């Protein structure tokens, strides 16, 4: 399993960092006999901080936008960022074909 976390770090200050997205890539175990490829279940969460006003204070509450999808035959014998790109390309190609 791979977990990719994307954070925003305002002004490079680690004390202010906030996660804005998390993706989990899990091999589903169905692609047998070939070591260079696999089928993967992907869970992707975008974390959006919405301002919420309580009396005179403004707080940021996280809102989650989740996506779940499946990619067949992803080539895993490549550099990690190429693999992640292939997974993302599979997601966005599928999203463009939806009505």
N, C-alpha and C. Protein backbone atom coordinates (compact mmCIF):
# COMPACT_ATOMS: atom_id res chain seq x y z
N UNK A 1 0.85 -1.18 0.00
CA UNK A 1 0.00 0.00 0.00
C UNK A 1 0.89 1.24 0.00
N UNK A 2 0.50 2.21 -0.77
CA UNK A 2 1.16 3.52 -0.76
C UNK A 2 0.18 4.55 -0.22
N UNK A 3 0.67 5.45 0.60
CA UNK A 3 -0.14 6.58 1.06
C UNK A 3 0.62 7.85 0.70
N UNK A 4 -0.04 8.71 -0.04
CA UNK A 4 0.56 9.98 -0.46
C UNK A 4 -0.21 11.09 0.21
N UNK A 5 0.49 11.93 0.96
CA UNK A 5 -0.14 13.06 1.65
C UNK A 5 0.40 14.35 1.05
N UNK A 6 -0.51 15.26 0.72
CA UNK A 6 -0.13 16.57 0.19
C UNK A 6 -0.46 17.59 1.27
N UNK A 7 0.54 18.41 1.60
CA UNK A 7 0.37 19.43 2.63
C UNK A 7 0.67 20.81 2.05
N UNK A 8 0.01 21.79 2.60
CA UNK A 8 0.35 23.17 2.31
C UNK A 8 1.12 23.70 3.51
N UNK A 9 2.24 24.37 3.24
CA UNK A 9 3.10 24.90 4.31
C UNK A 9 3.24 26.40 4.08
N UNK A 10 2.34 27.20 4.66
CA UNK A 10 2.38 28.65 4.43
C UNK A 10 3.72 29.26 4.84
N UNK A 11 4.30 29.99 3.92
CA UNK A 11 5.57 30.70 4.16
C UNK A 11 6.70 29.77 4.58
N UNK A 12 6.56 28.46 4.29
CA UNK A 12 7.59 27.50 4.67
C UNK A 12 7.63 27.19 6.16
N UNK A 13 6.63 27.66 6.90
CA UNK A 13 6.57 27.47 8.35
C UNK A 13 5.88 26.14 8.66
N UNK A 14 6.66 25.16 9.13
CA UNK A 14 6.13 23.83 9.43
C UNK A 14 5.04 23.85 10.50
N UNK A 15 5.04 24.84 11.38
CA UNK A 15 4.02 24.92 12.42
C UNK A 15 2.64 25.24 11.84
N UNK A 16 2.61 25.82 10.64
CA UNK A 16 1.35 26.21 10.02
C UNK A 16 0.85 25.19 8.99
N UNK A 17 1.56 24.10 8.81
CA UNK A 17 1.20 23.16 7.74
C UNK A 17 -0.17 22.52 7.98
N UNK A 18 -0.85 22.24 6.87
CA UNK A 18 -2.15 21.57 6.90
C UNK A 18 -2.21 20.57 5.76
N UNK A 19 -2.75 19.38 6.01
CA UNK A 19 -2.94 18.44 4.90
C UNK A 19 -4.08 18.94 4.02
N UNK A 20 -3.89 18.83 2.70
CA UNK A 20 -4.96 19.23 1.79
C UNK A 20 -5.40 18.07 0.90
N UNK A 21 -4.71 16.94 1.00
CA UNK A 21 -5.11 15.78 0.22
C UNK A 21 -4.37 14.52 0.67
N UNK A 22 -5.07 13.40 0.56
CA UNK A 22 -4.48 12.11 0.88
C UNK A 22 -4.95 11.11 -0.17
N UNK A 23 -4.01 10.33 -0.71
CA UNK A 23 -4.35 9.27 -1.65
C UNK A 23 -3.75 7.97 -1.13
N UNK A 24 -4.56 6.91 -1.15
CA UNK A 24 -4.10 5.58 -0.77
C UNK A 24 -4.22 4.68 -1.98
N UNK A 25 -3.13 4.02 -2.34
CA UNK A 25 -3.10 3.11 -3.48
C UNK A 25 -2.86 1.71 -2.93
N UNK A 26 -3.82 0.79 -3.16
CA UNK A 26 -3.75 -0.55 -2.61
C UNK A 26 -3.82 -1.58 -3.73
N UNK A 27 -2.86 -2.48 -3.78
CA UNK A 27 -2.89 -3.57 -4.75
C UNK A 27 -4.05 -4.49 -4.37
N UNK A 28 -4.94 -4.77 -5.33
CA UNK A 28 -6.10 -5.60 -5.00
C UNK A 28 -5.82 -7.09 -5.10
N UNK A 29 -4.60 -7.47 -5.53
CA UNK A 29 -4.21 -8.88 -5.55
C UNK A 29 -4.78 -9.71 -6.68
N UNK A 30 -5.44 -9.09 -7.67
CA UNK A 30 -6.09 -9.86 -8.73
C UNK A 30 -5.25 -10.03 -9.99
N UNK A 31 -4.13 -9.35 -10.10
CA UNK A 31 -3.30 -9.42 -11.31
C UNK A 31 -2.21 -10.45 -11.06
N UNK A 32 -2.46 -11.69 -11.39
CA UNK A 32 -1.56 -12.80 -11.06
C UNK A 32 -0.64 -13.13 -12.24
N UNK A 33 0.57 -13.57 -11.91
CA UNK A 33 1.47 -14.11 -12.91
C UNK A 33 2.37 -13.11 -13.61
N UNK A 34 2.12 -11.83 -13.45
CA UNK A 34 2.97 -10.81 -14.07
C UNK A 34 3.49 -9.91 -12.96
N UNK A 35 4.81 -9.86 -12.85
CA UNK A 35 5.42 -9.09 -11.76
C UNK A 35 5.47 -7.60 -12.04
N UNK A 36 5.36 -7.19 -13.30
CA UNK A 36 5.56 -5.78 -13.66
C UNK A 36 4.28 -4.95 -13.64
N UNK A 37 3.13 -5.58 -13.40
CA UNK A 37 1.88 -4.82 -13.46
C UNK A 37 0.96 -5.28 -12.34
N UNK A 38 -0.03 -4.45 -12.04
CA UNK A 38 -1.00 -4.79 -11.00
C UNK A 38 -2.28 -4.00 -11.15
N UNK A 39 -3.31 -4.49 -10.49
CA UNK A 39 -4.59 -3.79 -10.42
C UNK A 39 -4.68 -3.13 -9.05
N UNK A 40 -5.19 -1.91 -9.01
CA UNK A 40 -5.13 -1.13 -7.78
C UNK A 40 -6.46 -0.46 -7.46
N UNK A 41 -6.81 -0.49 -6.17
CA UNK A 41 -7.93 0.29 -5.65
C UNK A 41 -7.34 1.58 -5.10
N UNK A 42 -7.98 2.68 -5.47
CA UNK A 42 -7.47 3.99 -5.07
C UNK A 42 -8.54 4.72 -4.28
N UNK A 43 -8.13 5.29 -3.17
CA UNK A 43 -8.99 6.15 -2.36
C UNK A 43 -8.31 7.51 -2.31
N UNK A 44 -9.06 8.53 -2.66
CA UNK A 44 -8.50 9.88 -2.73
C UNK A 44 -9.41 10.83 -1.95
N UNK A 45 -8.84 11.58 -1.04
CA UNK A 45 -9.60 12.56 -0.25
C UNK A 45 -8.98 13.93 -0.42
N UNK A 46 -9.80 14.87 -0.86
CA UNK A 46 -9.38 16.27 -0.88
C UNK A 46 -9.90 16.91 0.38
N UNK A 47 -9.04 17.64 1.07
CA UNK A 47 -9.43 18.29 2.32
C UNK A 47 -9.51 19.78 2.05
N UNK A 48 -10.70 20.31 2.18
CA UNK A 48 -10.94 21.72 1.90
C UNK A 48 -11.32 22.39 3.21
N UNK A 49 -10.60 23.43 3.55
CA UNK A 49 -10.89 24.14 4.79
C UNK A 49 -11.83 25.30 4.50
N UNK A 50 -13.05 25.21 5.02
CA UNK A 50 -14.07 26.22 4.81
C UNK A 50 -14.16 27.11 6.04
N UNK A 51 -14.19 28.43 5.84
CA UNK A 51 -14.35 29.30 7.00
C UNK A 51 -15.75 29.17 7.61
N UNK A 52 -15.81 29.05 8.91
CA UNK A 52 -17.08 28.97 9.64
C UNK A 52 -17.02 30.03 10.74
N UNK A 53 -18.04 30.85 10.82
CA UNK A 53 -18.02 31.96 11.78
C UNK A 53 -18.83 31.58 13.02
N UNK A 54 -18.16 31.68 14.17
CA UNK A 54 -18.82 31.51 15.46
C UNK A 54 -18.75 32.85 16.16
N UNK A 55 -19.86 33.49 16.34
CA UNK A 55 -19.95 34.84 16.91
C UNK A 55 -18.95 35.75 16.19
N UNK A 56 -17.89 36.17 16.82
CA UNK A 56 -16.93 37.06 16.15
C UNK A 56 -15.67 36.32 15.70
N UNK A 57 -15.55 35.03 16.04
CA UNK A 57 -14.37 34.25 15.65
C UNK A 57 -14.63 33.53 14.33
N UNK A 58 -13.59 33.43 13.54
CA UNK A 58 -13.68 32.64 12.30
C UNK A 58 -12.73 31.46 12.44
N UNK A 59 -13.28 30.27 12.29
CA UNK A 59 -12.49 29.04 12.34
C UNK A 59 -12.54 28.36 10.98
N UNK A 60 -11.54 27.54 10.70
CA UNK A 60 -11.54 26.76 9.47
C UNK A 60 -11.85 25.31 9.81
N UNK A 61 -12.96 24.81 9.27
CA UNK A 61 -13.34 23.42 9.49
C UNK A 61 -13.06 22.62 8.23
N UNK A 62 -12.47 21.44 8.37
CA UNK A 62 -12.18 20.64 7.18
C UNK A 62 -13.45 20.03 6.59
N UNK A 63 -13.55 20.10 5.29
CA UNK A 63 -14.60 19.43 4.53
C UNK A 63 -13.89 18.41 3.65
N UNK A 64 -14.42 17.21 3.54
CA UNK A 64 -13.77 16.15 2.78
C UNK A 64 -14.54 15.84 1.51
N UNK A 65 -13.81 15.75 0.42
CA UNK A 65 -14.38 15.35 -0.86
C UNK A 65 -13.67 14.07 -1.26
N UNK A 66 -14.38 12.93 -1.20
CA UNK A 66 -13.76 11.62 -1.42
C UNK A 66 -14.05 11.08 -2.81
N UNK A 67 -13.07 10.40 -3.36
CA UNK A 67 -13.19 9.70 -4.64
C UNK A 67 -12.63 8.30 -4.44
N UNK A 68 -13.27 7.31 -5.04
CA UNK A 68 -12.77 5.94 -5.02
C UNK A 68 -12.81 5.43 -6.45
N UNK A 69 -11.74 4.79 -6.88
CA UNK A 69 -11.71 4.27 -8.24
C UNK A 69 -10.75 3.11 -8.32
N UNK A 70 -10.71 2.47 -9.47
CA UNK A 70 -9.91 1.27 -9.68
C UNK A 70 -9.11 1.45 -10.97
N UNK A 71 -7.86 1.03 -10.95
CA UNK A 71 -7.01 1.08 -12.15
C UNK A 71 -6.50 -0.33 -12.42
N UNK A 72 -6.69 -0.80 -13.66
CA UNK A 72 -6.23 -2.13 -14.06
C UNK A 72 -4.91 -2.03 -14.82
N UNK A 73 -4.01 -2.97 -14.57
CA UNK A 73 -2.80 -3.12 -15.35
C UNK A 73 -1.78 -2.01 -15.23
N UNK A 74 -1.72 -1.34 -14.09
CA UNK A 74 -0.73 -0.26 -13.91
C UNK A 74 0.67 -0.87 -13.84
N UNK A 75 1.60 -0.30 -14.58
CA UNK A 75 2.98 -0.78 -14.61
C UNK A 75 3.71 -0.32 -13.35
N UNK A 76 4.15 -1.27 -12.54
CA UNK A 76 4.81 -0.91 -11.29
C UNK A 76 6.34 -1.01 -11.35
N UNK A 77 6.89 -1.34 -12.51
CA UNK A 77 8.35 -1.45 -12.65
C UNK A 77 8.93 -0.15 -13.20
N UNK A 78 8.55 0.95 -12.60
CA UNK A 78 8.99 2.27 -13.04
C UNK A 78 9.24 3.14 -11.80
N UNK A 79 9.87 4.29 -11.99
CA UNK A 79 10.08 5.19 -10.84
C UNK A 79 8.75 5.55 -10.17
N UNK A 80 8.79 5.80 -8.87
CA UNK A 80 7.57 5.99 -8.08
C UNK A 80 6.69 7.12 -8.60
N UNK A 81 7.26 8.25 -9.01
CA UNK A 81 6.41 9.35 -9.46
C UNK A 81 5.81 9.07 -10.83
N UNK A 82 6.46 8.26 -11.64
CA UNK A 82 5.87 7.82 -12.90
C UNK A 82 4.68 6.91 -12.62
N UNK A 83 4.82 6.03 -11.62
CA UNK A 83 3.72 5.15 -11.22
C UNK A 83 2.53 5.96 -10.72
N UNK A 84 2.79 6.94 -9.86
CA UNK A 84 1.71 7.78 -9.34
C UNK A 84 1.05 8.56 -10.48
N UNK A 85 1.84 9.05 -11.42
CA UNK A 85 1.29 9.74 -12.59
C UNK A 85 0.36 8.81 -13.37
N UNK A 86 0.78 7.55 -13.56
CA UNK A 86 -0.06 6.60 -14.30
C UNK A 86 -1.38 6.37 -13.57
N UNK A 87 -1.34 6.27 -12.25
CA UNK A 87 -2.56 6.09 -11.46
C UNK A 87 -3.47 7.31 -11.63
N UNK A 88 -2.91 8.51 -11.50
CA UNK A 88 -3.71 9.73 -11.64
C UNK A 88 -4.27 9.88 -13.06
N UNK A 89 -3.46 9.53 -14.05
CA UNK A 89 -3.93 9.61 -15.44
C UNK A 89 -5.13 8.69 -15.64
N UNK A 90 -5.08 7.49 -15.04
CA UNK A 90 -6.21 6.56 -15.12
C UNK A 90 -7.46 7.14 -14.50
N UNK A 91 -7.31 7.84 -13.38
CA UNK A 91 -8.45 8.47 -12.72
C UNK A 91 -9.03 9.59 -13.57
N UNK A 92 -8.19 10.49 -14.06
CA UNK A 92 -8.69 11.64 -14.81
C UNK A 92 -9.22 11.25 -16.18
N UNK A 93 -8.65 10.23 -16.81
CA UNK A 93 -9.21 9.74 -18.07
C UNK A 93 -10.60 9.17 -17.86
N UNK A 94 -10.77 8.45 -16.75
CA UNK A 94 -12.09 7.89 -16.44
C UNK A 94 -13.09 9.00 -16.11
N UNK A 95 -12.66 10.01 -15.36
CA UNK A 95 -13.55 11.12 -14.98
C UNK A 95 -14.01 11.90 -16.21
N UNK A 96 -13.15 12.05 -17.22
CA UNK A 96 -13.54 12.79 -18.42
C UNK A 96 -14.57 12.04 -19.25
N UNK A 97 -14.60 10.70 -19.15
CA UNK A 97 -15.54 9.89 -19.93
C UNK A 97 -16.91 9.80 -19.29
N UNK A 98 -17.01 10.16 -18.00
CA UNK A 98 -18.31 10.09 -17.32
C UNK A 98 -19.26 11.15 -17.86
N UNK A 99 -20.54 10.79 -17.97
CA UNK A 99 -21.51 11.81 -18.47
C UNK A 99 -21.77 12.90 -17.46
